Amino acid sequence: MAIRIITDSAADFEASVAKRRRIDVVPMTIQFGTASFVSGKTITNEVFYQLLQEGRENPATSQPAPGAFLRFFEEAKAAGDQVVVIVLSGALSGTLQSAMIAKEMCEYEPIYIVDSRTVSAGIQILVNYACKLRDSGLPAAGIAEEVERLKDQVRVFAVVDTLEYLMKGGRIGKVTATAGTLLQIKPIITFAPDGQLQSIAKVRGRNQVIDKL
């Protein structure tokens, strides 16, 4: 019996790293207008940022369907393996719900699902810790319990370097974005305890951002 660690592509693991650490990654779908891509498979980070900078379409993401998780769960069930799933903050995406639905569909109990309440590097910290615990011989239930405990200690801070995409996504108005750009305002964001994004500071200029961080 083995223990499988599963996450989603919001963790931003490189494919080679995920393979080396034996992490299964459930991809999200990224859309630029009518063009649809599978994160980490049919689009690279380089192409994503290229399309973003071209500015023709504002990207949107779609959560994985329950079937994307179910495939991994059925494989684990057939092998008699245990599963620990660590996913993107449930406050930002329906990915958590998809994983929960897939578990019900699979009808297999040793699947433990953790809401990371964070994204990207924050998820990586939790997944890497889960892998360390797996390799030390801890069972899946114990891994999930430890990850649940650790997640409240993980804090991620990020700087929004440009207000352009907040404006395009409807988060702020054009006047606010223009004024903020002229004044070189750079918001610093983090995650609240409930997994929601929140702005904790607005800093003027790159040097002050570094000092504030």
Protein backbone atom coordinates (compact mmCIF):
# COMPACT_ATOMS: atom_id res chain seq x y z
CA MET A 1 0.00 0.00 0.00
CA ALA A 2 1.38 3.39 -1.01
CA ILE A 3 0.38 6.96 -0.21
CA ARG A 4 -0.39 9.26 -3.12
CA ILE A 5 0.00 13.04 -2.85
CA ILE A 6 -2.26 15.02 -5.19
CA THR A 7 -2.50 18.77 -5.77
CA ASP A 8 -3.74 21.06 -8.54
CA SER A 9 -1.88 23.22 -11.02
CA ALA A 10 -2.38 26.34 -8.87
CA ALA A 11 0.57 24.99 -6.86
CA ASP A 12 2.81 25.94 -9.83
CA PHE A 13 5.03 22.87 -9.59
CA GLU A 14 7.34 22.32 -12.54
CA ALA A 15 6.55 18.99 -14.19
CA SER A 16 10.05 17.63 -13.52
CA VAL A 17 9.82 18.51 -9.82
CA ALA A 18 6.37 16.95 -9.45
CA LYS A 19 7.58 13.77 -11.11
CA ARG A 20 10.71 13.54 -8.95
CA ARG A 21 8.73 14.02 -5.74
CA ARG A 22 5.93 11.67 -6.87
CA ILE A 23 3.21 14.32 -6.83
CA ASP A 24 0.16 13.99 -9.06
CA VAL A 25 -1.09 17.32 -10.42
CA VAL A 26 -4.69 17.89 -11.53
CA PRO A 27 -4.63 20.66 -14.16
CA MET A 28 -6.90 23.66 -14.46
CA THR A 29 -8.15 25.06 -17.76
CA ILE A 30 -6.99 28.50 -18.89
CA GLN A 31 -8.93 30.43 -21.50
CA PHE A 32 -7.87 33.38 -23.61
CA GLY A 33 -11.05 34.30 -25.44
CA THR A 34 -12.13 31.24 -27.40
CA ALA A 35 -8.74 29.53 -27.04
CA SER A 36 -8.61 26.93 -24.27
CA PHE A 37 -5.44 25.50 -22.72
CA VAL A 38 -4.68 22.86 -20.10
CA SER A 39 -2.35 24.32 -17.48
CA GLY A 40 1.07 22.67 -17.51
CA LYS A 41 0.25 20.53 -20.55
CA THR A 42 -0.82 22.60 -23.54
CA ILE A 43 0.47 25.95 -22.29
CA THR A 44 3.71 26.93 -20.58
CA ASN A 45 4.26 29.85 -18.21
CA GLU A 46 6.24 31.60 -20.93
CA VAL A 47 3.39 31.36 -23.43
CA PHE A 48 0.86 32.43 -20.78
CA TYR A 49 2.75 35.65 -20.04
CA GLN A 50 3.29 36.27 -23.72
CA LEU A 51 -0.45 36.08 -24.37
CA LEU A 52 -1.11 38.20 -21.29
CA GLN A 53 1.24 40.95 -22.43
CA GLU A 54 -0.21 40.96 -25.93
CA GLY A 55 -3.40 42.08 -24.22
CA ARG A 56 -5.86 40.84 -26.79
CA GLU A 57 -7.87 38.78 -24.30
CA ASN A 58 -8.03 38.76 -20.52
CA PRO A 59 -7.41 35.20 -19.25
CA ALA A 60 -9.91 33.21 -17.20
CA THR A 61 -9.44 29.93 -15.37
CA SER A 62 -11.82 27.02 -14.92
CA GLN A 63 -11.65 24.64 -11.98
CA PRO A 64 -10.98 20.95 -12.72
CA ALA A 65 -14.12 18.87 -13.12
CA PRO A 66 -14.73 16.14 -10.51
CA GLY A 67 -13.81 13.60 -13.17
CA ALA A 68 -10.24 14.93 -13.26
CA PHE A 69 -9.81 13.97 -9.59
CA LEU A 70 -11.88 10.81 -9.92
CA ARG A 71 -9.41 9.30 -12.37
CA PHE A 72 -6.62 9.52 -9.78
CA PHE A 73 -8.91 8.33 -6.98
CA GLU A 74 -10.04 5.27 -8.93
CA GLU A 75 -6.43 4.34 -9.65
CA ALA A 76 -5.61 4.61 -5.94
CA LYS A 77 -8.68 2.57 -5.01
CA ALA A 78 -7.74 -0.20 -7.44
CA ALA A 79 -4.24 -0.34 -5.98
CA GLY A 80 -5.41 -0.08 -2.37
CA ASP A 81 -3.41 3.13 -1.89
CA GLN A 82 -4.17 6.01 0.47
CA VAL A 83 -4.53 9.55 -0.86
CA VAL A 84 -3.77 13.02 0.49
CA VAL A 85 -5.14 15.89 -1.62
CA ILE A 86 -3.98 19.49 -1.04
CA VAL A 87 -5.76 22.06 -3.20
CA LEU A 88 -6.08 25.76 -3.94
CA SER A 89 -7.96 27.86 -1.39
CA GLY A 90 -11.63 26.95 -1.43
CA ALA A 91 -12.46 30.65 -1.05
CA LEU A 92 -10.96 31.34 -4.49
CA SER A 93 -12.03 28.34 -6.54
CA GLY A 94 -14.43 25.42 -6.75
CA THR A 95 -11.48 23.03 -7.02
CA LEU A 96 -11.98 21.89 -3.42
CA GLN A 97 -15.63 21.11 -4.13
CA SER A 98 -14.68 19.12 -7.24
CA ALA A 99 -12.31 16.99 -5.16
CA MET A 100 -14.99 16.40 -2.52
CA ILE A 101 -17.54 15.37 -5.17
CA ALA A 102 -15.00 13.01 -6.74
CA LYS A 103 -14.39 11.36 -3.36
CA GLU A 104 -18.13 10.74 -2.96
CA MET A 105 -18.31 9.31 -6.48
CA CYS A 106 -15.33 7.04 -5.80
CA GLU A 107 -16.82 5.68 -2.56
CA TYR A 108 -13.36 5.14 -1.09
CA GLU A 109 -12.65 6.27 2.46
CA PRO A 110 -8.84 6.64 2.69
CA ILE A 111 -8.88 9.90 0.70
CA TYR A 112 -8.03 12.96 2.81
CA ILE A 113 -8.67 16.38 1.31
CA VAL A 114 -7.05 19.55 2.67
CA ASP A 115 -8.10 23.11 1.80
CA SER A 116 -4.72 24.87 1.69
CA ARG A 117 -6.32 28.34 2.08
CA THR A 118 -3.47 29.65 -0.03
CA VAL A 119 -2.03 29.45 -3.55
CA SER A 120 1.19 28.85 -5.48
CA ALA A 121 4.25 28.91 -3.16
CA GLY A 122 2.00 28.44 -0.14
CA ILE A 123 0.59 25.22 -1.57
CA GLN A 124 4.10 24.07 -2.47
CA ILE A 125 5.21 24.42 1.15
CA LEU A 126 2.33 22.21 2.30
CA VAL A 127 2.75 19.63 -0.47
CA ASN A 128 6.49 19.37 0.07
CA TYR A 129 5.86 18.85 3.78
CA ALA A 130 3.30 16.15 2.97
CA CYS A 131 5.88 14.39 0.79
CA LYS A 132 8.43 14.54 3.61
CA LEU A 133 5.93 12.99 6.01
CA ARG A 134 4.99 10.33 3.45
CA ASP A 135 8.64 9.40 2.98
CA SER A 136 9.07 9.15 6.76
CA GLY A 137 6.35 6.48 6.88
CA LEU A 138 3.44 8.46 8.34
CA PRO A 139 0.00 7.21 7.18
CA ALA A 140 -2.28 9.43 5.10
CA ALA A 141 -4.56 10.37 8.01
CA GLY A 142 -1.56 11.58 10.01
CA ILE A 143 -0.19 13.51 7.03
CA ALA A 144 -3.49 15.29 6.47
CA GLU A 145 -3.70 16.15 10.18
CA GLU A 146 -0.18 17.59 10.21
CA VAL A 147 -0.79 19.60 7.03
CA GLU A 148 -4.01 20.99 8.54
CA ARG A 149 -1.99 22.09 11.56
CA LEU A 150 0.83 23.61 9.50
CA LYS A 151 -1.34 25.57 7.07
CA ASP A 152 -2.23 28.16 9.72
CA GLN A 153 1.48 28.93 10.04
CA VAL A 154 2.06 29.51 6.32
CA ARG A 155 1.87 33.14 5.21
CA VAL A 156 2.29 34.27 1.63
CA PHE A 157 2.82 37.91 0.68
CA ALA A 158 2.83 39.14 -2.91
CA VAL A 159 3.31 42.47 -4.63
CA VAL A 160 1.05 43.57 -7.45
CA ASP A 161 3.64 45.15 -9.72
CA THR A 162 1.13 46.61 -12.17
CA LEU A 163 -2.51 47.67 -11.73
CA GLU A 164 -3.32 46.95 -15.38
CA TYR A 165 -4.71 43.45 -14.85
CA LEU A 166 -6.70 44.41 -11.75
CA MET A 167 -8.39 47.00 -13.97
CA LYS A 168 -8.99 44.53 -16.80
CA GLY A 169 -10.45 42.02 -14.36
CA GLY A 170 -12.84 44.63 -12.98
CA ARG A 171 -11.23 44.73 -9.51
CA ILE A 172 -10.51 48.46 -9.73
CA GLY A 173 -11.70 51.30 -11.99
CA LYS A 174 -9.74 52.87 -14.82
CA VAL A 175 -9.30 56.18 -12.98
CA THR A 176 -7.92 54.41 -9.90
CA ALA A 177 -5.60 52.30 -12.03
CA THR A 178 -4.30 55.33 -13.96
CA ALA A 179 -3.71 57.36 -10.81
CA GLY A 180 -2.07 54.42 -9.08
CA THR A 181 0.23 53.82 -12.04
CA LEU A 182 1.28 57.47 -12.16
CA LEU A 183 2.02 57.43 -8.43
CA GLN A 184 3.74 54.01 -8.70
CA ILE A 185 1.36 52.51 -6.13
CA LYS A 186 1.99 48.79 -5.58
CA PRO A 187 -0.44 46.86 -3.36
CA ILE A 188 0.86 44.09 -1.11
CA ILE A 189 -1.59 41.21 -0.78
CA THR A 190 -1.86 38.14 1.42
CA PHE A 191 -4.43 35.54 2.45
CA ALA A 192 -6.85 36.01 5.33
CA PRO A 193 -7.39 33.04 7.70
CA ASP A 194 -10.48 32.06 5.69
CA GLY A 195 -8.45 31.81 2.47
CA GLN A 196 -9.67 35.05 0.93
CA LEU A 197 -7.21 37.44 -0.71
CA GLN A 198 -6.79 40.74 1.07
CA SER A 199 -4.70 43.88 0.58
CA ILE A 200 -2.63 44.73 3.65
CA ALA A 201 -0.62 47.69 2.35
CA LYS A 202 -0.25 50.09 -0.57
CA VAL A 203 3.31 51.15 -1.10
CA ARG A 204 4.74 53.77 -3.45
CA GLY A 205 7.81 52.74 -5.42
CA ARG A 206 9.80 49.52 -5.73
CA ASN A 207 12.36 50.36 -3.04
CA GLN A 208 9.67 50.97 -0.46
CA VAL A 209 7.98 47.70 -1.45
CA ILE A 210 11.17 45.80 -0.69
CA ASP A 211 11.51 47.53 2.68
CA LYS A 212 7.86 46.83 3.53
CA LEU A 213 8.14 43.15 2.64
